[in-house]
Amino acid sequence: MAVPKRKVSRARRDKRRSSVWKLTAPAIERCPSCSEFKLSHRMCPECGVYKGRMVAKQKAE
């Protein structure tokens, strides 16, 4: 079984672990037709527009 010869310092150990928990925030942008926030590369949940064309019908209120 492999056993480390030397103790791993706290700095080296923490450097290795540092990037594990970091997550990137999703890219949020404004919809060009209704100005609501939406995720990029996705249809707007408010108005149903994607890339300038209607892809989903809106519910009647």
PDB file of N, CA and C in Angstrom:
ATOM      1  N   MET A   1       0.826  -1.178   0.000  1.00  0.00           N
ATOM      2  CA  MET A   1       0.000   0.000   0.000  1.00  0.00           C
ATOM      3  C   MET A   1       0.873   1.245   0.000  1.00  0.00           C
ATOM      4  N   ALA A   2       0.489   2.255  -0.777  1.00  0.00           N
ATOM      5  CA  ALA A   2       1.284   3.477  -0.869  1.00  0.00           C
ATOM      6  C   ALA A   2       1.072   4.328   0.373  1.00  0.00           C
ATOM      7  N   VAL A   3       2.188   4.729   0.952  1.00  0.00           N
ATOM      8  CA  VAL A   3       2.150   5.573   2.156  1.00  0.00           C
ATOM      9  C   VAL A   3       2.987   6.807   1.876  1.00  0.00           C
ATOM     10  N   PRO A   4       2.484   8.022   2.170  1.00  0.00           N
ATOM     11  CA  PRO A   4       3.267   9.226   1.921  1.00  0.00           C
ATOM     12  C   PRO A   4       4.505   9.280   2.808  1.00  0.00           C
ATOM     13  N   LYS A   5       5.631   9.734   2.216  1.00  0.00           N
ATOM     14  CA  LYS A   5       6.869   9.828   2.987  1.00  0.00           C
ATOM     15  C   LYS A   5       6.890  11.036   3.895  1.00  0.00           C
ATOM     16  N   ARG A   6       6.254  12.121   3.454  1.00  0.00           N
ATOM     17  CA  ARG A   6       6.265  13.362   4.221  1.00  0.00           C
ATOM     18  C   ARG A   6       4.852  13.857   4.459  1.00  0.00           C
ATOM     19  N   LYS A   7       4.719  14.621   5.521  1.00  0.00           N
ATOM     20  CA  LYS A   7       3.428  15.243   5.816  1.00  0.00           C
ATOM     21  C   LYS A   7       3.137  16.312   4.765  1.00  0.00           C
ATOM     22  N   VAL A   8       1.913  16.338   4.272  1.00  0.00           N
ATOM     23  CA  VAL A   8       1.512  17.367   3.315  1.00  0.00           C
ATOM     24  C   VAL A   8       1.156  18.622   4.115  1.00  0.00           C
ATOM     25  N   SER A   9       1.793  19.731   3.762  1.00  0.00           N
ATOM     26  CA  SER A   9       1.564  20.963   4.510  1.00  0.00           C
ATOM     27  C   SER A   9       0.135  21.462   4.326  1.00  0.00           C
ATOM     28  N   ARG A  10      -0.320  22.293   5.250  1.00  0.00           N
ATOM     29  CA  ARG A  10      -1.677  22.842   5.166  1.00  0.00           C
ATOM     30  C   ARG A  10      -1.859  23.677   3.908  1.00  0.00           C
ATOM     31  N   ALA A  11      -0.821  24.418   3.541  1.00  0.00           N
ATOM     32  CA  ALA A  11      -0.912  25.266   2.349  1.00  0.00           C
ATOM     33  C   ALA A  11      -1.072  24.419   1.089  1.00  0.00           C
ATOM     34  N   ARG A  12      -0.280  23.355   0.976  1.00  0.00           N
ATOM     35  CA  ARG A  12      -0.362  22.488  -0.203  1.00  0.00           C
ATOM     36  C   ARG A  12      -1.692  21.752  -0.240  1.00  0.00           C
ATOM     37  N   ARG A  13      -2.130  21.269   0.906  1.00  0.00           N
ATOM     38  CA  ARG A  13      -3.412  20.572   0.988  1.00  0.00           C
ATOM     39  C   ARG A  13      -4.563  21.507   0.615  1.00  0.00           C
ATOM     40  N   ASP A  14      -4.554  22.732   1.138  1.00  0.00           N
ATOM     41  CA  ASP A  14      -5.633  23.676   0.875  1.00  0.00           C
ATOM     42  C   ASP A  14      -5.599  24.183  -0.563  1.00  0.00           C
ATOM     43  N   LYS A  15      -4.397  24.289  -1.136  1.00  0.00           N
ATOM     44  CA  LYS A  15      -4.297  24.683  -2.547  1.00  0.00           C
ATOM     45  C   LYS A  15      -4.969  23.642  -3.438  1.00  0.00           C
ATOM     46  N   ARG A  16      -4.795  22.405  -3.108  1.00  0.00           N
ATOM     47  CA  ARG A  16      -5.382  21.330  -3.893  1.00  0.00           C
ATOM     48  C   ARG A  16      -6.904  21.327  -3.757  1.00  0.00           C
ATOM     49  N   ARG A  17      -7.400  21.627  -2.585  1.00  0.00           N
ATOM     50  CA  ARG A  17      -8.838  21.583  -2.323  1.00  0.00           C
ATOM     51  C   ARG A  17      -9.567  22.871  -2.700  1.00  0.00           C
ATOM     52  N   SER A  18      -8.860  23.919  -3.012  1.00  0.00           N
ATOM     53  CA  SER A  18      -9.481  25.234  -3.143  1.00  0.00           C
ATOM     54  C   SER A  18     -10.498  25.335  -4.263  1.00  0.00           C
ATOM     55  N   SER A  19     -10.258  24.694  -5.395  1.00  0.00           N
ATOM     56  CA  SER A  19     -11.147  24.874  -6.538  1.00  0.00           C
ATOM     57  C   SER A  19     -12.298  23.881  -6.567  1.00  0.00           C
ATOM     58  N   VAL A  20     -12.403  23.018  -5.596  1.00  0.00           N
ATOM     59  CA  VAL A  20     -13.426  21.983  -5.604  1.00  0.00           C
ATOM     60  C   VAL A  20     -14.813  22.575  -5.394  1.00  0.00           C
ATOM     61  N   TRP A  21     -14.958  23.522  -4.490  1.00  0.00           N
ATOM     62  CA  TRP A  21     -16.279  24.030  -4.108  1.00  0.00           C
ATOM     63  C   TRP A  21     -16.753  25.188  -4.958  1.00  0.00           C
ATOM     64  N   LYS A  22     -15.868  25.776  -5.773  1.00  0.00           N
ATOM     65  CA  LYS A  22     -16.245  26.959  -6.539  1.00  0.00           C
ATOM     66  C   LYS A  22     -17.077  26.563  -7.750  1.00  0.00           C
ATOM     67  N   LEU A  23     -18.234  27.156  -7.871  1.00  0.00           N
ATOM     68  CA  LEU A  23     -19.102  26.928  -9.016  1.00  0.00           C
ATOM     69  C   LEU A  23     -19.313  28.250  -9.731  1.00  0.00           C
ATOM     70  N   THR A  24     -19.485  28.197 -11.023  1.00  0.00           N
ATOM     71  CA  THR A  24     -19.737  29.426 -11.770  1.00  0.00           C
ATOM     72  C   THR A  24     -21.224  29.730 -11.746  1.00  0.00           C
ATOM     73  N   ALA A  25     -21.541  30.984 -11.660  1.00  0.00           N
ATOM     74  CA  ALA A  25     -22.940  31.397 -11.675  1.00  0.00           C
ATOM     75  C   ALA A  25     -23.474  31.290 -13.093  1.00  0.00           C
ATOM     76  N   PRO A  26     -24.740  30.940 -13.244  1.00  0.00           N
ATOM     77  CA  PRO A  26     -25.289  30.860 -14.598  1.00  0.00           C
ATOM     78  C   PRO A  26     -25.337  32.239 -15.250  1.00  0.00           C
ATOM     79  N   ALA A  27     -25.142  32.267 -16.556  1.00  0.00           N
ATOM     80  CA  ALA A  27     -25.154  33.528 -17.293  1.00  0.00           C
ATOM     81  C   ALA A  27     -26.592  34.010 -17.418  1.00  0.00           C
ATOM     82  N   ILE A  28     -26.894  35.140 -16.790  1.00  0.00           N
ATOM     83  CA  ILE A  28     -28.242  35.697 -16.824  1.00  0.00           C
ATOM     84  C   ILE A  28     -28.204  36.959 -17.663  1.00  0.00           C
ATOM     85  N   GLU A  29     -29.173  37.095 -18.546  1.00  0.00           N
ATOM     86  CA  GLU A  29     -29.246  38.281 -19.397  1.00  0.00           C
ATOM     87  C   GLU A  29     -30.697  38.726 -19.483  1.00  0.00           C
ATOM     88  N   ARG A  30     -30.908  39.897 -20.051  1.00  0.00           N
ATOM     89  CA  ARG A  30     -32.265  40.423 -20.206  1.00  0.00           C
ATOM     90  C   ARG A  30     -32.845  39.973 -21.550  1.00  0.00           C
ATOM     91  N   CYS A  31     -34.116  39.665 -21.532  1.00  0.00           N
ATOM     92  CA  CYS A  31     -34.828  39.300 -22.761  1.00  0.00           C
ATOM     93  C   CYS A  31     -34.994  40.564 -23.599  1.00  0.00           C
ATOM     94  N   PRO A  32     -34.659  40.524 -24.896  1.00  0.00           N
ATOM     95  CA  PRO A  32     -34.776  41.724 -25.719  1.00  0.00           C
ATOM     96  C   PRO A  32     -36.217  42.153 -25.973  1.00  0.00           C
ATOM     97  N   SER A  33     -37.182  41.230 -25.841  1.00  0.00           N
ATOM     98  CA  SER A  33     -38.566  41.609 -26.132  1.00  0.00           C
ATOM     99  C   SER A  33     -39.334  42.084 -24.901  1.00  0.00           C
ATOM    100  N   CYS A  34     -39.102  41.455 -23.735  1.00  0.00           N
ATOM    101  CA  CYS A  34     -39.889  41.849 -22.557  1.00  0.00           C
ATOM    102  C   CYS A  34     -39.035  42.384 -21.416  1.00  0.00           C
ATOM    103  N   SER A  35     -37.722  42.376 -21.543  1.00  0.00           N
ATOM    104  CA  SER A  35     -36.766  42.904 -20.553  1.00  0.00           C
ATOM    105  C   SER A  35     -36.769  42.159 -19.221  1.00  0.00           C
ATOM    106  N   GLU A  36     -37.276  40.940 -19.195  1.00  0.00           N
ATOM    107  CA  GLU A  36     -37.191  40.117 -17.991  1.00  0.00           C
ATOM    108  C   GLU A  36     -35.859  39.363 -18.012  1.00  0.00           C
ATOM    109  N   PHE A  37     -35.380  38.957 -16.843  1.00  0.00           N
ATOM    110  CA  PHE A  37     -34.153  38.183 -16.772  1.00  0.00           C
ATOM    111  C   PHE A  37     -34.416  36.752 -17.209  1.00  0.00           C
ATOM    112  N   LYS A  38     -33.446  36.188 -17.962  1.00  0.00           N
ATOM    113  CA  LYS A  38     -33.555  34.803 -18.408  1.00  0.00           C
ATOM    114  C   LYS A  38     -32.161  34.215 -18.519  1.00  0.00           C
ATOM    115  N   LEU A  39     -32.070  32.890 -18.560  1.00  0.00           N
ATOM    116  CA  LEU A  39     -30.797  32.227 -18.774  1.00  0.00           C
ATOM    117  C   LEU A  39     -30.439  32.338 -20.247  1.00  0.00           C
ATOM    118  N   SER A  40     -29.158  32.513 -20.524  1.00  0.00           N
ATOM    119  CA  SER A  40     -28.744  32.650 -21.913  1.00  0.00           C
ATOM    120  C   SER A  40     -28.905  31.323 -22.646  1.00  0.00           C
ATOM    121  N   HIS A  41     -29.138  31.386 -23.939  1.00  0.00           N
ATOM    122  CA  HIS A  41     -29.340  30.230 -24.811  1.00  0.00           C
ATOM    123  C   HIS A  41     -30.586  29.432 -24.442  1.00  0.00           C
ATOM    124  N   ARG A  42     -31.557  30.118 -23.843  1.00  0.00           N
ATOM    125  CA  ARG A  42     -32.815  29.473 -23.492  1.00  0.00           C
ATOM    126  C   ARG A  42     -33.972  30.403 -23.800  1.00  0.00           C
ATOM    127  N   MET A  43     -35.138  29.807 -23.948  1.00  0.00           N
ATOM    128  CA  MET A  43     -36.341  30.574 -24.210  1.00  0.00           C
ATOM    129  C   MET A  43     -36.687  31.405 -22.972  1.00  0.00           C
ATOM    130  N   CYS A  44     -37.254  32.567 -23.207  1.00  0.00           N
ATOM    131  CA  CYS A  44     -37.698  33.421 -22.106  1.00  0.00           C
ATOM    132  C   CYS A  44     -38.945  32.793 -21.491  1.00  0.00           C
ATOM    133  N   PRO A  45     -38.950  32.525 -20.190  1.00  0.00           N
ATOM    134  CA  PRO A  45     -40.133  31.903 -19.584  1.00  0.00           C
ATOM    135  C   PRO A  45     -41.330  32.842 -19.499  1.00  0.00           C
ATOM    136  N   GLU A  46     -41.082  34.140 -19.581  1.00  0.00           N
ATOM    137  CA  GLU A  46     -42.177  35.104 -19.462  1.00  0.00           C
ATOM    138  C   GLU A  46     -42.930  35.284 -20.782  1.00  0.00           C
ATOM    139  N   CYS A  47     -42.200  35.508 -21.874  1.00  0.00           N
ATOM    140  CA  CYS A  47     -42.870  35.817 -23.141  1.00  0.00           C
ATOM    141  C   CYS A  47     -42.764  34.697 -24.173  1.00  0.00           C
ATOM    142  N   GLY A  48     -41.895  33.701 -23.959  1.00  0.00           N
ATOM    143  CA  GLY A  48     -41.799  32.568 -24.877  1.00  0.00           C
ATOM    144  C   GLY A  48     -41.019  32.855 -26.147  1.00  0.00           C
ATOM    145  N   VAL A  49     -40.146  33.855 -26.143  1.00  0.00           N
ATOM    146  CA  VAL A  49     -39.374  34.232 -27.324  1.00  0.00           C
ATOM    147  C   VAL A  49     -37.965  33.675 -27.209  1.00  0.00           C
ATOM    148  N   TYR A  50     -37.449  33.140 -28.318  1.00  0.00           N
ATOM    149  CA  TYR A  50     -36.063  32.687 -28.381  1.00  0.00           C
ATOM    150  C   TYR A  50     -35.477  33.122 -29.714  1.00  0.00           C
ATOM    151  N   LYS A  51     -34.368  33.825 -29.682  1.00  0.00           N
ATOM    152  CA  LYS A  51     -33.682  34.339 -30.872  1.00  0.00           C
ATOM    153  C   LYS A  51     -34.613  35.144 -31.765  1.00  0.00           C
ATOM    154  N   GLY A  52     -35.461  35.953 -31.151  1.00  0.00           N
ATOM    155  CA  GLY A  52     -36.316  36.853 -31.900  1.00  0.00           C
ATOM    156  C   GLY A  52     -37.574  36.252 -32.476  1.00  0.00           C
ATOM    157  N   ARG A  53     -37.871  34.981 -32.189  1.00  0.00           N
ATOM    158  CA  ARG A  53     -39.105  34.399 -32.708  1.00  0.00           C
ATOM    159  C   ARG A  53     -39.850  33.693 -31.583  1.00  0.00           C
ATOM    160  N   MET A  54     -41.157  33.622 -31.723  1.00  0.00           N
ATOM    161  CA  MET A  54     -42.016  33.023 -30.723  1.00  0.00           C
ATOM    162  C   MET A  54     -41.908  31.501 -30.818  1.00  0.00           C
ATOM    163  N   VAL A  55     -41.532  30.847 -29.718  1.00  0.00           N
ATOM    164  CA  VAL A  55     -41.390  29.388 -29.724  1.00  0.00           C
ATOM    165  C   VAL A  55     -42.383  28.707 -28.801  1.00  0.00           C
ATOM    166  N   ALA A  56     -42.999  29.458 -27.882  1.00  0.00           N
ATOM    167  CA  ALA A  56     -43.984  28.885 -26.971  1.00  0.00           C
ATOM    168  C   ALA A  56     -45.126  29.859 -26.806  1.00  0.00           C
ATOM    169  N   LYS A  57     -46.317  29.309 -26.716  1.00  0.00           N
ATOM    170  CA  LYS A  57     -47.484  30.168 -26.515  1.00  0.00           C
ATOM    171  C   LYS A  57     -47.576  30.554 -25.043  1.00  0.00           C
ATOM    172  N   GLN A  58     -48.017  31.762 -24.808  1.00  0.00           N
ATOM    173  CA  GLN A  58     -48.163  32.276 -23.453  1.00  0.00           C
ATOM    174  C   GLN A  58     -49.524  31.863 -22.899  1.00  0.00           C
ATOM    175  N   LYS A  59     -49.581  31.556 -21.603  1.00  0.00           N
ATOM    176  CA  LYS A  59     -50.835  31.204 -20.966  1.00  0.00           C
ATOM    177  C   LYS A  59     -51.752  32.418 -20.892  1.00  0.00           C
ATOM    178  N   ALA A  60     -53.043  32.215 -21.031  1.00  0.00           N
ATOM    179  CA  ALA A  60     -54.002  33.320 -20.900  1.00  0.00           C
ATOM    180  C   ALA A  60     -54.168  33.653 -19.426  1.00  0.00           C
ATOM    181  N   GLU A  61     -54.102  34.906 -19.114  1.00  0.00           N
ATOM    182  CA  GLU A  61     -54.210  35.312 -17.703  1.00  0.00           C
ATOM    183  C   GLU A  61     -55.619  35.731 -17.346  1.00  0.00           C
TER     184      GLU A  61
END
